[in-house]
Amino acid sequence: MNQPAICPQCGGSFEAKTITHQQPWGEELYEFENVPALVCVQCGEVWLGAEVAQLIESVIKSHPQPKRYHQVPVFSLAEFSL
């Protein structure tokens, strides 16, 4: 698939950026820094090229030692009143 010319979500234009990307994989969530991506300047939609997406998948499957870990509290909003 080629790089999109316009955002499929809002029709805005994309800008090349380096981002931090979170990738769900099964029951796990992985975070990647310094990811080249296109980001819509209007709505923030992120588009990863095929080569980048394949590299992320390859890294996850190879189980290398991560740079560091994050510990994050998780809440269910359904348990609280709005």
PDB file of N, CA and C in Angstrom:
ATOM      1  N   MET A   1       0.850  -1.191   0.000  1.00  0.00           N
ATOM      2  CA  MET A   1       0.000   0.000   0.000  1.00  0.00           C
ATOM      3  C   MET A   1       0.885   1.240   0.000  1.00  0.00           C
ATOM      4  N   ASN A   2       0.561   2.172  -0.839  1.00  0.00           N
ATOM      5  CA  ASN A   2       1.324   3.411  -0.927  1.00  0.00           C
ATOM      6  C   ASN A   2       0.924   4.370   0.182  1.00  0.00           C
ATOM      7  N   GLN A   3       1.773   5.331   0.407  1.00  0.00           N
ATOM      8  CA  GLN A   3       1.526   6.373   1.393  1.00  0.00           C
ATOM      9  C   GLN A   3       0.307   7.192   0.969  1.00  0.00           C
ATOM     10  N   PRO A   4      -0.631   7.435   1.893  1.00  0.00           N
ATOM     11  CA  PRO A   4      -1.824   8.209   1.526  1.00  0.00           C
ATOM     12  C   PRO A   4      -1.506   9.679   1.305  1.00  0.00           C
ATOM     13  N   ALA A   5      -2.200  10.289   0.360  1.00  0.00           N
ATOM     14  CA  ALA A   5      -2.019  11.712   0.075  1.00  0.00           C
ATOM     15  C   ALA A   5      -2.808  12.570   1.059  1.00  0.00           C
ATOM     16  N   ILE A   6      -3.996  12.072   1.437  1.00  0.00           N
ATOM     17  CA  ILE A   6      -4.835  12.792   2.397  1.00  0.00           C
ATOM     18  C   ILE A   6      -5.317  11.822   3.470  1.00  0.00           C
ATOM     19  N   CYS A   7      -5.682  12.359   4.610  1.00  0.00           N
ATOM     20  CA  CYS A   7      -6.154  11.550   5.733  1.00  0.00           C
ATOM     21  C   CYS A   7      -7.501  10.910   5.396  1.00  0.00           C
ATOM     22  N   PRO A   8      -7.612   9.586   5.539  1.00  0.00           N
ATOM     23  CA  PRO A   8      -8.884   8.934   5.252  1.00  0.00           C
ATOM     24  C   PRO A   8      -9.967   9.231   6.293  1.00  0.00           C
ATOM     25  N   GLN A   9      -9.570   9.743   7.463  1.00  0.00           N
ATOM     26  CA  GLN A   9     -10.539  10.045   8.520  1.00  0.00           C
ATOM     27  C   GLN A   9     -11.205  11.411   8.337  1.00  0.00           C
ATOM     28  N   CYS A  10     -10.383  12.430   7.967  1.00  0.00           N
ATOM     29  CA  CYS A  10     -10.933  13.788   7.928  1.00  0.00           C
ATOM     30  C   CYS A  10     -10.621  14.558   6.643  1.00  0.00           C
ATOM     31  N   GLY A  11      -9.759  13.998   5.792  1.00  0.00           N
ATOM     32  CA  GLY A  11      -9.399  14.696   4.564  1.00  0.00           C
ATOM     33  C   GLY A  11      -8.261  15.684   4.727  1.00  0.00           C
ATOM     34  N   GLY A  12      -7.671  15.756   5.939  1.00  0.00           N
ATOM     35  CA  GLY A  12      -6.566  16.667   6.188  1.00  0.00           C
ATOM     36  C   GLY A  12      -5.275  16.166   5.545  1.00  0.00           C
ATOM     37  N   SER A  13      -4.225  16.944   5.684  1.00  0.00           N
ATOM     38  CA  SER A  13      -2.937  16.564   5.100  1.00  0.00           C
ATOM     39  C   SER A  13      -2.043  15.922   6.160  1.00  0.00           C
ATOM     40  N   PHE A  14      -1.131  15.069   5.687  1.00  0.00           N
ATOM     41  CA  PHE A  14      -0.202  14.382   6.570  1.00  0.00           C
ATOM     42  C   PHE A  14       1.114  15.135   6.655  1.00  0.00           C
ATOM     43  N   GLU A  15       1.770  14.994   7.797  1.00  0.00           N
ATOM     44  CA  GLU A  15       3.085  15.574   8.029  1.00  0.00           C
ATOM     45  C   GLU A  15       3.985  14.458   8.555  1.00  0.00           C
ATOM     46  N   ALA A  16       5.200  14.349   8.039  1.00  0.00           N
ATOM     47  CA  ALA A  16       6.151  13.345   8.517  1.00  0.00           C
ATOM     48  C   ALA A  16       6.649  13.745   9.898  1.00  0.00           C
ATOM     49  N   LYS A  17       6.573  12.805  10.849  1.00  0.00           N
ATOM     50  CA  LYS A  17       7.016  13.050  12.221  1.00  0.00           C
ATOM     51  C   LYS A  17       7.676  11.794  12.767  1.00  0.00           C
ATOM     52  N   THR A  18       8.376  11.957  13.858  1.00  0.00           N
ATOM     53  CA  THR A  18       8.897  10.834  14.631  1.00  0.00           C
ATOM     54  C   THR A  18       8.081  10.802  15.911  1.00  0.00           C
ATOM     55  N   ILE A  19       7.433   9.663  16.172  1.00  0.00           N
ATOM     56  CA  ILE A  19       6.475   9.570  17.277  1.00  0.00           C
ATOM     57  C   ILE A  19       6.835   8.433  18.229  1.00  0.00           C
ATOM     58  N   THR A  20       6.125   8.388  19.341  1.00  0.00           N
ATOM     59  CA  THR A  20       6.102   7.224  20.225  1.00  0.00           C
ATOM     60  C   THR A  20       4.809   6.499  19.898  1.00  0.00           C
ATOM     61  N   HIS A  21       4.917   5.213  19.583  1.00  0.00           N
ATOM     62  CA  HIS A  21       3.771   4.427  19.122  1.00  0.00           C
ATOM     63  C   HIS A  21       3.506   3.280  20.082  1.00  0.00           C
ATOM     64  N   GLN A  22       2.252   3.117  20.490  1.00  0.00           N
ATOM     65  CA  GLN A  22       1.864   1.986  21.327  1.00  0.00           C
ATOM     66  C   GLN A  22       1.189   0.948  20.448  1.00  0.00           C
ATOM     67  N   GLN A  23       1.659  -0.297  20.564  1.00  0.00           N
ATOM     68  CA  GLN A  23       1.160  -1.385  19.724  1.00  0.00           C
ATOM     69  C   GLN A  23       0.586  -2.497  20.590  1.00  0.00           C
ATOM     70  N   PRO A  24      -0.753  -2.688  20.583  1.00  0.00           N
ATOM     71  CA  PRO A  24      -1.321  -3.837  21.285  1.00  0.00           C
ATOM     72  C   PRO A  24      -0.957  -5.121  20.550  1.00  0.00           C
ATOM     73  N   TRP A  25      -0.696  -6.172  21.317  1.00  0.00           N
ATOM     74  CA  TRP A  25      -0.355  -7.467  20.721  1.00  0.00           C
ATOM     75  C   TRP A  25      -0.847  -8.542  21.685  1.00  0.00           C
ATOM     76  N   GLY A  26      -1.947  -9.187  21.358  1.00  0.00           N
ATOM     77  CA  GLY A  26      -2.546 -10.153  22.283  1.00  0.00           C
ATOM     78  C   GLY A  26      -2.954  -9.439  23.558  1.00  0.00           C
ATOM     79  N   GLU A  27      -2.489  -9.966  24.686  1.00  0.00           N
ATOM     80  CA  GLU A  27      -2.789  -9.363  25.992  1.00  0.00           C
ATOM     81  C   GLU A  27      -1.762  -8.299  26.383  1.00  0.00           C
ATOM     82  N   GLU A  28      -0.769  -8.071  25.562  1.00  0.00           N
ATOM     83  CA  GLU A  28       0.325  -7.159  25.877  1.00  0.00           C
ATOM     84  C   GLU A  28       0.178  -5.825  25.137  1.00  0.00           C
ATOM     85  N   LEU A  29       0.853  -4.823  25.668  1.00  0.00           N
ATOM     86  CA  LEU A  29       0.933  -3.523  25.018  1.00  0.00           C
ATOM     87  C   LEU A  29       2.408  -3.146  24.956  1.00  0.00           C
ATOM     88  N   TYR A  30       2.890  -2.866  23.767  1.00  0.00           N
ATOM     89  CA  TYR A  30       4.284  -2.517  23.565  1.00  0.00           C
ATOM     90  C   TYR A  30       4.383  -1.050  23.165  1.00  0.00           C
ATOM     91  N   GLU A  31       5.461  -0.400  23.587  1.00  0.00           N
ATOM     92  CA  GLU A  31       5.667   0.992  23.228  1.00  0.00           C
ATOM     93  C   GLU A  31       6.987   1.123  22.477  1.00  0.00           C
ATOM     94  N   PHE A  32       6.951   1.823  21.369  1.00  0.00           N
ATOM     95  CA  PHE A  32       8.122   2.035  20.528  1.00  0.00           C
ATOM     96  C   PHE A  32       8.393   3.531  20.419  1.00  0.00           C
ATOM     97  N   GLU A  33       9.632   3.914  20.662  1.00  0.00           N
ATOM     98  CA  GLU A  33      10.041   5.312  20.522  1.00  0.00           C
ATOM     99  C   GLU A  33      10.707   5.514  19.169  1.00  0.00           C
ATOM    100  N   ASN A  34      10.762   6.756  18.736  1.00  0.00           N
ATOM    101  CA  ASN A  34      11.471   7.135  17.508  1.00  0.00           C
ATOM    102  C   ASN A  34      10.934   6.418  16.273  1.00  0.00           C
ATOM    103  N   VAL A  35       9.625   6.365  16.160  1.00  0.00           N
ATOM    104  CA  VAL A  35       8.955   5.690  15.050  1.00  0.00           C
ATOM    105  C   VAL A  35       8.638   6.710  13.954  1.00  0.00           C
ATOM    106  N   PRO A  36       9.151   6.494  12.738  1.00  0.00           N
ATOM    107  CA  PRO A  36       8.781   7.390  11.643  1.00  0.00           C
ATOM    108  C   PRO A  36       7.335   7.133  11.220  1.00  0.00           C
ATOM    109  N   ALA A  37       6.557   8.194  11.130  1.00  0.00           N
ATOM    110  CA  ALA A  37       5.137   8.051  10.810  1.00  0.00           C
ATOM    111  C   ALA A  37       4.643   9.293  10.093  1.00  0.00           C
ATOM    112  N   LEU A  38       3.469   9.159   9.499  1.00  0.00           N
ATOM    113  CA  LEU A  38       2.753  10.315   8.979  1.00  0.00           C
ATOM    114  C   LEU A  38       1.631  10.608   9.960  1.00  0.00           C
ATOM    115  N   VAL A  39       1.471  11.873  10.320  1.00  0.00           N
ATOM    116  CA  VAL A  39       0.448  12.278  11.280  1.00  0.00           C
ATOM    117  C   VAL A  39      -0.396  13.374  10.639  1.00  0.00           C
ATOM    118  N   CYS A  40      -1.713  13.206  10.686  1.00  0.00           N
ATOM    119  CA  CYS A  40      -2.617  14.213  10.118  1.00  0.00           C
ATOM    120  C   CYS A  40      -2.544  15.486  10.942  1.00  0.00           C
ATOM    121  N   VAL A  41      -2.314  16.609  10.273  1.00  0.00           N
ATOM    122  CA  VAL A  41      -2.210  17.888  10.971  1.00  0.00           C
ATOM    123  C   VAL A  41      -3.567  18.362  11.488  1.00  0.00           C
ATOM    124  N   GLN A  42      -4.655  17.799  10.966  1.00  0.00           N
ATOM    125  CA  GLN A  42      -5.991  18.236  11.364  1.00  0.00           C
ATOM    126  C   GLN A  42      -6.566  17.390  12.504  1.00  0.00           C
ATOM    127  N   CYS A  43      -6.503  16.048  12.392  1.00  0.00           N
ATOM    128  CA  CYS A  43      -7.161  15.200  13.394  1.00  0.00           C
ATOM    129  C   CYS A  43      -6.209  14.320  14.196  1.00  0.00           C
ATOM    130  N   GLY A  44      -4.937  14.260  13.796  1.00  0.00           N
ATOM    131  CA  GLY A  44      -3.966  13.466  14.543  1.00  0.00           C
ATOM    132  C   GLY A  44      -3.893  12.000  14.164  1.00  0.00           C
ATOM    133  N   GLU A  45      -4.646  11.571  13.161  1.00  0.00           N
ATOM    134  CA  GLU A  45      -4.591  10.184  12.680  1.00  0.00           C
ATOM    135  C   GLU A  45      -3.145   9.834  12.335  1.00  0.00           C
ATOM    136  N   VAL A  46      -2.717   8.632  12.738  1.00  0.00           N
ATOM    137  CA  VAL A  46      -1.341   8.183  12.495  1.00  0.00           C
ATOM    138  C   VAL A  46      -1.337   7.109  11.426  1.00  0.00           C
ATOM    139  N   TRP A  47      -0.407   7.219  10.505  1.00  0.00           N
ATOM    140  CA  TRP A  47      -0.244   6.213   9.456  1.00  0.00           C
ATOM    141  C   TRP A  47       1.189   5.724   9.494  1.00  0.00           C
ATOM    142  N   LEU A  48       1.361   4.402   9.654  1.00  0.00           N
ATOM    143  CA  LEU A  48       2.688   3.790   9.627  1.00  0.00           C
ATOM    144  C   LEU A  48       2.881   3.112   8.286  1.00  0.00           C
ATOM    145  N   GLY A  49       4.035   3.301   7.692  1.00  0.00           N
ATOM    146  CA  GLY A  49       4.355   2.626   6.443  1.00  0.00           C
ATOM    147  C   GLY A  49       4.486   1.124   6.668  1.00  0.00           C
ATOM    148  N   ALA A  50       4.342   0.350   5.596  1.00  0.00           N
ATOM    149  CA  ALA A  50       4.407  -1.114   5.687  1.00  0.00           C
ATOM    150  C   ALA A  50       5.737  -1.572   6.267  1.00  0.00           C
ATOM    151  N   GLU A  51       6.825  -0.953   5.846  1.00  0.00           N
ATOM    152  CA  GLU A  51       8.148  -1.354   6.336  1.00  0.00           C
ATOM    153  C   GLU A  51       8.268  -1.134   7.847  1.00  0.00           C
ATOM    154  N   VAL A  52       7.732  -0.020   8.344  1.00  0.00           N
ATOM    155  CA  VAL A  52       7.763   0.280   9.779  1.00  0.00           C
ATOM    156  C   VAL A  52       6.885  -0.713  10.542  1.00  0.00           C
ATOM    157  N   ALA A  53       5.683  -0.966  10.039  1.00  0.00           N
ATOM    158  CA  ALA A  53       4.773  -1.913  10.697  1.00  0.00           C
ATOM    159  C   ALA A  53       5.378  -3.312  10.745  1.00  0.00           C
ATOM    160  N   GLN A  54       6.040  -3.728   9.678  1.00  0.00           N
ATOM    161  CA  GLN A  54       6.678  -5.045   9.646  1.00  0.00           C
ATOM    162  C   GLN A  54       7.837  -5.116  10.631  1.00  0.00           C
ATOM    163  N   LEU A  55       8.598  -4.032  10.764  1.00  0.00           N
ATOM    164  CA  LEU A  55       9.703  -4.015  11.715  1.00  0.00           C
ATOM    165  C   LEU A  55       9.176  -4.107  13.141  1.00  0.00           C
ATOM    166  N   ILE A  56       8.102  -3.391  13.458  1.00  0.00           N
ATOM    167  CA  ILE A  56       7.490  -3.461  14.790  1.00  0.00           C
ATOM    168  C   ILE A  56       7.063  -4.891  15.084  1.00  0.00           C
ATOM    169  N   GLU A  57       6.387  -5.532  14.135  1.00  0.00           N
ATOM    170  CA  GLU A  57       5.952  -6.920  14.320  1.00  0.00           C
ATOM    171  C   GLU A  57       7.154  -7.843  14.538  1.00  0.00           C
ATOM    172  N   SER A  58       8.197  -7.646  13.782  1.00  0.00           N
ATOM    173  CA  SER A  58       9.405  -8.458  13.905  1.00  0.00           C
ATOM    174  C   SER A  58      10.045  -8.307  15.285  1.00  0.00           C
ATOM    175  N   VAL A  59      10.112  -7.075  15.783  1.00  0.00           N
ATOM    176  CA  VAL A  59      10.691  -6.830  17.103  1.00  0.00           C
ATOM    177  C   VAL A  59       9.860  -7.524  18.176  1.00  0.00           C
ATOM    178  N   ILE A  60       8.539  -7.391  18.109  1.00  0.00           N
ATOM    179  CA  ILE A  60       7.667  -8.025  19.106  1.00  0.00           C
ATOM    180  C   ILE A  60       7.857  -9.546  19.095  1.00  0.00           C
ATOM    181  N   LYS A  61       7.892 -10.128  17.921  1.00  0.00           N
ATOM    182  CA  LYS A  61       8.020 -11.582  17.813  1.00  0.00           C
ATOM    183  C   LYS A  61       9.385 -12.104  18.258  1.00  0.00           C
ATOM    184  N   SER A  62      10.421 -11.266  18.178  1.00  0.00           N
ATOM    185  CA  SER A  62      11.761 -11.725  18.532  1.00  0.00           C
ATOM    186  C   SER A  62      12.071 -11.590  20.028  1.00  0.00           C
ATOM    187  N   HIS A  63      11.212 -10.922  20.782  1.00  0.00           N
ATOM    188  CA  HIS A  63      11.334 -10.787  22.236  1.00  0.00           C
ATOM    189  C   HIS A  63      12.686 -10.252  22.703  1.00  0.00           C
ATOM    190  N   PRO A  64      13.173  -9.136  22.157  1.00  0.00           N
ATOM    191  CA  PRO A  64      14.445  -8.598  22.657  1.00  0.00           C
ATOM    192  C   PRO A  64      14.255  -7.973  24.044  1.00  0.00           C
ATOM    193  N   GLN A  65      15.339  -7.678  24.712  1.00  0.00           N
ATOM    194  CA  GLN A  65      15.277  -6.996  26.010  1.00  0.00           C
ATOM    195  C   GLN A  65      14.835  -5.550  25.769  1.00  0.00           C
ATOM    196  N   PRO A  66      13.743  -5.108  26.412  1.00  0.00           N
ATOM    197  CA  PRO A  66      13.285  -3.728  26.198  1.00  0.00           C
ATOM    198  C   PRO A  66      14.241  -2.710  26.818  1.00  0.00           C
ATOM    199  N   LYS A  67      14.162  -1.506  26.303  1.00  0.00           N
ATOM    200  CA  LYS A  67      14.966  -0.396  26.813  1.00  0.00           C
ATOM    201  C   LYS A  67      14.593  -0.094  28.265  1.00  0.00           C
ATOM    202  N   ARG A  68      13.286  -0.138  28.575  1.00  0.00           N
ATOM    203  CA  ARG A  68      12.773   0.087  29.930  1.00  0.00           C
ATOM    204  C   ARG A  68      11.312  -0.361  29.978  1.00  0.00           C
ATOM    205  N   TYR A  69      10.726  -0.351  31.150  1.00  0.00           N
ATOM    206  CA  TYR A  69       9.317  -0.712  31.355  1.00  0.00           C
ATOM    207  C   TYR A  69       8.560   0.473  31.930  1.00  0.00           C
ATOM    208  N   HIS A  70       7.249   0.536  31.635  1.00  0.00           N
ATOM    209  CA  HIS A  70       6.335   1.497  32.256  1.00  0.00           C
ATOM    210  C   HIS A  70       5.383   0.705  33.141  1.00  0.00           C
ATOM    211  N   GLN A  71       5.030   1.265  34.283  1.00  0.00           N
ATOM    212  CA  GLN A  71       4.007   0.666  35.116  1.00  0.00           C
ATOM    213  C   GLN A  71       2.848   1.663  35.149  1.00  0.00           C
ATOM    214  N   VAL A  72       1.673   1.216  34.730  1.00  0.00           N
ATOM    215  CA  VAL A  72       0.547   2.124  34.550  1.00  0.00           C
ATOM    216  C   VAL A  72      -0.669   1.624  35.321  1.00  0.00           C
ATOM    217  N   PRO A  73      -1.307   2.477  36.126  1.00  0.00           N
ATOM    218  CA  PRO A  73      -2.549   2.064  36.782  1.00  0.00           C
ATOM    219  C   PRO A  73      -3.678   1.971  35.756  1.00  0.00           C
ATOM    220  N   VAL A  74      -4.573   1.017  35.955  1.00  0.00           N
ATOM    221  CA  VAL A  74      -5.701   0.803  35.046  1.00  0.00           C
ATOM    222  C   VAL A  74      -6.997   0.904  35.836  1.00  0.00           C
ATOM    223  N   PHE A  75      -7.945   1.666  35.321  1.00  0.00           N
ATOM    224  CA  PHE A  75      -9.252   1.842  35.951  1.00  0.00           C
ATOM    225  C   PHE A  75     -10.348   1.467  34.975  1.00  0.00           C
ATOM    226  N   SER A  76     -11.469   0.982  35.495  1.00  0.00           N
ATOM    227  CA  SER A  76     -12.661   0.780  34.686  1.00  0.00           C
ATOM    228  C   SER A  76     -13.596   1.941  34.977  1.00  0.00           C
ATOM    229  N   LEU A  77     -13.842   2.782  33.995  1.00  0.00           N
ATOM    230  CA  LEU A  77     -14.691   3.951  34.204  1.00  0.00           C
ATOM    231  C   LEU A  77     -16.123   3.554  34.531  1.00  0.00           C
ATOM    232  N   ALA A  78     -16.533   2.355  34.134  1.00  0.00           N
ATOM    233  CA  ALA A  78     -17.889   1.874  34.432  1.00  0.00           C
ATOM    234  C   ALA A  78     -18.127   1.736  35.934  1.00  0.00           C
ATOM    235  N   GLU A  79     -17.072   1.648  36.724  1.00  0.00           N
ATOM    236  CA  GLU A  79     -17.203   1.513  38.185  1.00  0.00           C
ATOM    237  C   GLU A  79     -17.420   2.857  38.866  1.00  0.00           C
ATOM    238  N   PHE A  80     -17.367   3.940  38.124  1.00  0.00           N
ATOM    239  CA  PHE A  80     -17.496   5.284  38.701  1.00  0.00           C
ATOM    240  C   PHE A  80     -18.703   5.991  38.094  1.00  0.00           C
ATOM    241  N   SER A  81     -19.251   6.932  38.829  1.00  0.00           N
ATOM    242  CA  SER A  81     -20.402   7.710  38.332  1.00  0.00           C
ATOM    243  C   SER A  81     -19.915   8.895  37.522  1.00  0.00           C
ATOM    244  N   LEU A  82     -20.653   9.197  36.473  1.00  0.00           N
ATOM    245  CA  LEU A  82     -20.349  10.392  35.678  1.00  0.00           C
ATOM    246  C   LEU A  82     -21.235  11.531  36.094  1.00  0.00           C
TER     247      LEU A  82
END
